[in-house]
Amino acid sequence: MNARKVRFTLHISAHEYQQYYSGSVRNVVVSANDGRIIQFPANILRPFISHDGIHGEFVIEFDDSNKFVSIKKR
């Protein structure tokens, strides 16, 4: 199994994340630093929520089947 890592920057306000948290929006779609567009379940961002929302640079890791492995804030 080879893991693939994708780096991206994310800025989601607390108000905007409410839509993800409530379930009305299930997936986050972002443009990675290398230009790829990736989509992943919003719930994997919960550990990174602050009063201001979610902000920072992240690295998400997928397996060969494009299944989520891990996410880390850089």
N, C-alpha and C. Protein backbone atom coordinates (compact mmCIF):
# COMPACT_ATOMS: atom_id res chain seq x y z
N MET A 1 0.84 -1.19 0.00
CA MET A 1 0.00 0.00 0.00
C MET A 1 0.88 1.24 0.00
N ASN A 2 0.71 2.08 -0.97
CA ASN A 2 1.40 3.35 -1.07
C ASN A 2 0.45 4.45 -0.66
N ALA A 3 0.86 5.27 0.27
CA ALA A 3 0.03 6.41 0.66
C ALA A 3 0.40 7.60 -0.20
N ARG A 4 -0.61 8.37 -0.55
CA ARG A 4 -0.40 9.58 -1.33
C ARG A 4 -0.75 10.77 -0.45
N LYS A 5 0.12 11.75 -0.43
CA LYS A 5 -0.09 12.94 0.40
C LYS A 5 -0.40 14.13 -0.49
N VAL A 6 -1.35 14.92 -0.01
CA VAL A 6 -1.74 16.12 -0.74
C VAL A 6 -1.75 17.28 0.26
N ARG A 7 -1.09 18.36 -0.09
CA ARG A 7 -1.01 19.54 0.78
C ARG A 7 -1.95 20.62 0.26
N PHE A 8 -2.66 21.28 1.19
CA PHE A 8 -3.57 22.35 0.80
C PHE A 8 -3.72 23.33 1.96
N THR A 9 -4.17 24.52 1.63
CA THR A 9 -4.45 25.55 2.62
C THR A 9 -5.96 25.72 2.69
N LEU A 10 -6.45 25.89 3.91
CA LEU A 10 -7.90 25.95 4.12
C LEU A 10 -8.25 27.12 5.02
N HIS A 11 -9.28 27.84 4.65
CA HIS A 11 -9.82 28.93 5.47
C HIS A 11 -11.34 28.81 5.44
N ILE A 12 -11.90 28.27 6.51
CA ILE A 12 -13.34 28.12 6.65
C ILE A 12 -13.76 28.85 7.93
N SER A 13 -14.64 29.81 7.80
CA SER A 13 -15.10 30.55 8.98
C SER A 13 -15.92 29.63 9.88
N ALA A 14 -16.07 30.03 11.12
CA ALA A 14 -16.88 29.24 12.06
C ALA A 14 -18.32 29.15 11.57
N HIS A 15 -18.83 30.26 11.04
CA HIS A 15 -20.20 30.28 10.52
C HIS A 15 -20.35 29.31 9.34
N GLU A 16 -19.38 29.34 8.43
CA GLU A 16 -19.42 28.45 7.27
C GLU A 16 -19.33 26.98 7.69
N TYR A 17 -18.49 26.68 8.69
CA TYR A 17 -18.35 25.29 9.11
C TYR A 17 -19.63 24.74 9.73
N GLN A 18 -20.49 25.62 10.23
CA GLN A 18 -21.79 25.17 10.77
C GLN A 18 -22.56 24.36 9.73
N GLN A 19 -22.47 24.72 8.46
CA GLN A 19 -23.16 23.98 7.40
C GLN A 19 -22.58 22.57 7.29
N TYR A 20 -21.28 22.43 7.44
CA TYR A 20 -20.65 21.12 7.40
C TYR A 20 -21.04 20.33 8.65
N TYR A 21 -20.96 20.99 9.79
CA TYR A 21 -21.21 20.33 11.07
C TYR A 21 -22.65 19.84 11.19
N SER A 22 -23.59 20.63 10.66
CA SER A 22 -25.00 20.26 10.75
C SER A 22 -25.36 19.15 9.76
N GLY A 23 -24.49 18.88 8.80
CA GLY A 23 -24.74 17.82 7.84
C GLY A 23 -25.37 18.30 6.55
N SER A 24 -25.69 19.59 6.45
CA SER A 24 -26.27 20.08 5.20
C SER A 24 -25.25 20.07 4.07
N VAL A 25 -23.97 20.14 4.41
CA VAL A 25 -22.88 19.99 3.46
C VAL A 25 -21.97 18.89 4.01
N ARG A 26 -21.75 17.84 3.23
CA ARG A 26 -21.00 16.69 3.74
C ARG A 26 -19.54 16.66 3.33
N ASN A 27 -19.22 17.23 2.19
CA ASN A 27 -17.85 17.15 1.67
C ASN A 27 -17.22 18.51 1.50
N VAL A 28 -15.91 18.54 1.67
CA VAL A 28 -15.11 19.73 1.42
C VAL A 28 -14.39 19.50 0.10
N VAL A 29 -14.41 20.50 -0.75
CA VAL A 29 -13.69 20.45 -2.02
C VAL A 29 -12.66 21.58 -2.01
N VAL A 30 -11.40 21.23 -2.19
CA VAL A 30 -10.34 22.24 -2.15
C VAL A 30 -9.39 22.05 -3.33
N SER A 31 -8.70 23.11 -3.64
CA SER A 31 -7.63 23.06 -4.62
C SER A 31 -6.32 22.86 -3.86
N ALA A 32 -5.64 21.76 -4.15
CA ALA A 32 -4.38 21.46 -3.48
C ALA A 32 -3.29 22.41 -3.96
N ASN A 33 -2.20 22.47 -3.22
CA ASN A 33 -1.09 23.36 -3.59
C ASN A 33 -0.52 23.03 -4.96
N ASP A 34 -0.65 21.76 -5.39
CA ASP A 34 -0.12 21.37 -6.71
C ASP A 34 -1.15 21.51 -7.83
N GLY A 35 -2.33 22.09 -7.51
CA GLY A 35 -3.34 22.34 -8.52
C GLY A 35 -4.44 21.30 -8.62
N ARG A 36 -4.25 20.13 -8.01
CA ARG A 36 -5.29 19.11 -8.04
C ARG A 36 -6.49 19.55 -7.22
N ILE A 37 -7.66 19.11 -7.62
CA ILE A 37 -8.87 19.34 -6.85
C ILE A 37 -9.17 18.06 -6.08
N ILE A 38 -9.31 18.18 -4.77
CA ILE A 38 -9.61 17.01 -3.96
C ILE A 38 -10.90 17.23 -3.18
N GLN A 39 -11.54 16.15 -2.86
CA GLN A 39 -12.79 16.17 -2.10
C GLN A 39 -12.66 15.16 -0.97
N PHE A 40 -13.13 15.54 0.22
CA PHE A 40 -13.07 14.64 1.36
C PHE A 40 -14.20 14.96 2.32
N PRO A 41 -14.55 14.01 3.19
CA PRO A 41 -15.64 14.24 4.16
C PRO A 41 -15.28 15.35 5.14
N ALA A 42 -16.22 16.24 5.38
CA ALA A 42 -16.00 17.38 6.27
C ALA A 42 -15.71 16.95 7.69
N ASN A 43 -16.23 15.81 8.11
CA ASN A 43 -16.07 15.40 9.51
C ASN A 43 -14.63 15.13 9.90
N ILE A 44 -13.73 14.91 8.94
CA ILE A 44 -12.33 14.67 9.32
C ILE A 44 -11.65 15.94 9.80
N LEU A 45 -12.30 17.09 9.61
CA LEU A 45 -11.73 18.37 10.06
C LEU A 45 -12.11 18.72 11.49
N ARG A 46 -12.98 17.98 12.11
CA ARG A 46 -13.46 18.33 13.46
C ARG A 46 -12.36 18.57 14.48
N PRO A 47 -11.27 17.80 14.48
CA PRO A 47 -10.22 18.07 15.47
C PRO A 47 -9.56 19.44 15.33
N PHE A 48 -9.76 20.10 14.21
CA PHE A 48 -9.08 21.37 13.93
C PHE A 48 -9.98 22.59 14.07
N ILE A 49 -11.20 22.41 14.53
CA ILE A 49 -12.13 23.52 14.68
C ILE A 49 -11.73 24.39 15.87
N SER A 50 -11.71 25.70 15.63
CA SER A 50 -11.49 26.66 16.71
C SER A 50 -12.64 27.66 16.70
N HIS A 51 -12.62 28.62 17.58
CA HIS A 51 -13.66 29.64 17.61
C HIS A 51 -13.71 30.44 16.31
N ASP A 52 -12.58 30.52 15.62
CA ASP A 52 -12.49 31.27 14.37
C ASP A 52 -12.81 30.42 13.14
N GLY A 53 -13.03 29.14 13.33
CA GLY A 53 -13.27 28.23 12.21
C GLY A 53 -12.10 27.30 12.04
N ILE A 54 -11.75 27.02 10.80
CA ILE A 54 -10.63 26.13 10.49
C ILE A 54 -9.72 26.88 9.53
N HIS A 55 -8.49 27.08 9.95
CA HIS A 55 -7.54 27.85 9.13
C HIS A 55 -6.17 27.20 9.23
N GLY A 56 -5.47 27.14 8.11
CA GLY A 56 -4.10 26.65 8.12
C GLY A 56 -3.77 25.80 6.92
N GLU A 57 -2.55 25.26 6.98
CA GLU A 57 -2.08 24.37 5.93
C GLU A 57 -2.18 22.94 6.46
N PHE A 58 -2.69 22.06 5.60
CA PHE A 58 -2.95 20.68 5.99
C PHE A 58 -2.31 19.72 5.00
N VAL A 59 -2.04 18.51 5.47
CA VAL A 59 -1.58 17.43 4.61
C VAL A 59 -2.54 16.28 4.84
N ILE A 60 -3.18 15.84 3.76
CA ILE A 60 -4.11 14.72 3.85
C ILE A 60 -3.47 13.54 3.12
N GLU A 61 -3.66 12.37 3.67
CA GLU A 61 -3.06 11.18 3.12
C GLU A 61 -4.15 10.20 2.69
N PHE A 62 -4.03 9.69 1.46
CA PHE A 62 -4.96 8.71 0.90
C PHE A 62 -4.19 7.44 0.55
N ASP A 63 -4.87 6.30 0.53
CA ASP A 63 -4.23 5.06 0.07
C ASP A 63 -4.41 4.93 -1.44
N ASP A 64 -3.97 3.81 -1.99
CA ASP A 64 -4.05 3.59 -3.43
C ASP A 64 -5.48 3.55 -3.96
N SER A 65 -6.43 3.27 -3.07
CA SER A 65 -7.84 3.22 -3.46
C SER A 65 -8.54 4.55 -3.21
N ASN A 66 -7.76 5.60 -2.95
CA ASN A 66 -8.26 6.94 -2.64
C ASN A 66 -9.09 6.98 -1.37
N LYS A 67 -8.82 6.08 -0.45
CA LYS A 67 -9.50 6.09 0.84
C LYS A 67 -8.65 6.89 1.82
N PHE A 68 -9.35 7.65 2.66
CA PHE A 68 -8.69 8.50 3.65
C PHE A 68 -7.84 7.67 4.61
N VAL A 69 -6.62 8.14 4.86
CA VAL A 69 -5.72 7.50 5.83
C VAL A 69 -5.54 8.41 7.03
N SER A 70 -5.15 9.69 6.78
CA SER A 70 -4.91 10.61 7.89
C SER A 70 -4.90 12.05 7.39
N ILE A 71 -5.03 12.97 8.35
CA ILE A 71 -4.89 14.39 8.04
C ILE A 71 -4.11 15.04 9.18
N LYS A 72 -3.19 15.93 8.83
CA LYS A 72 -2.39 16.63 9.81
C LYS A 72 -2.34 18.10 9.46
N LYS A 73 -2.32 18.91 10.49
CA LYS A 73 -2.14 20.35 10.30
C LYS A 73 -0.66 20.65 10.39
N ARG A 74 -0.17 21.45 9.45
CA ARG A 74 1.26 21.78 9.41
C ARG A 74 1.53 23.08 10.11
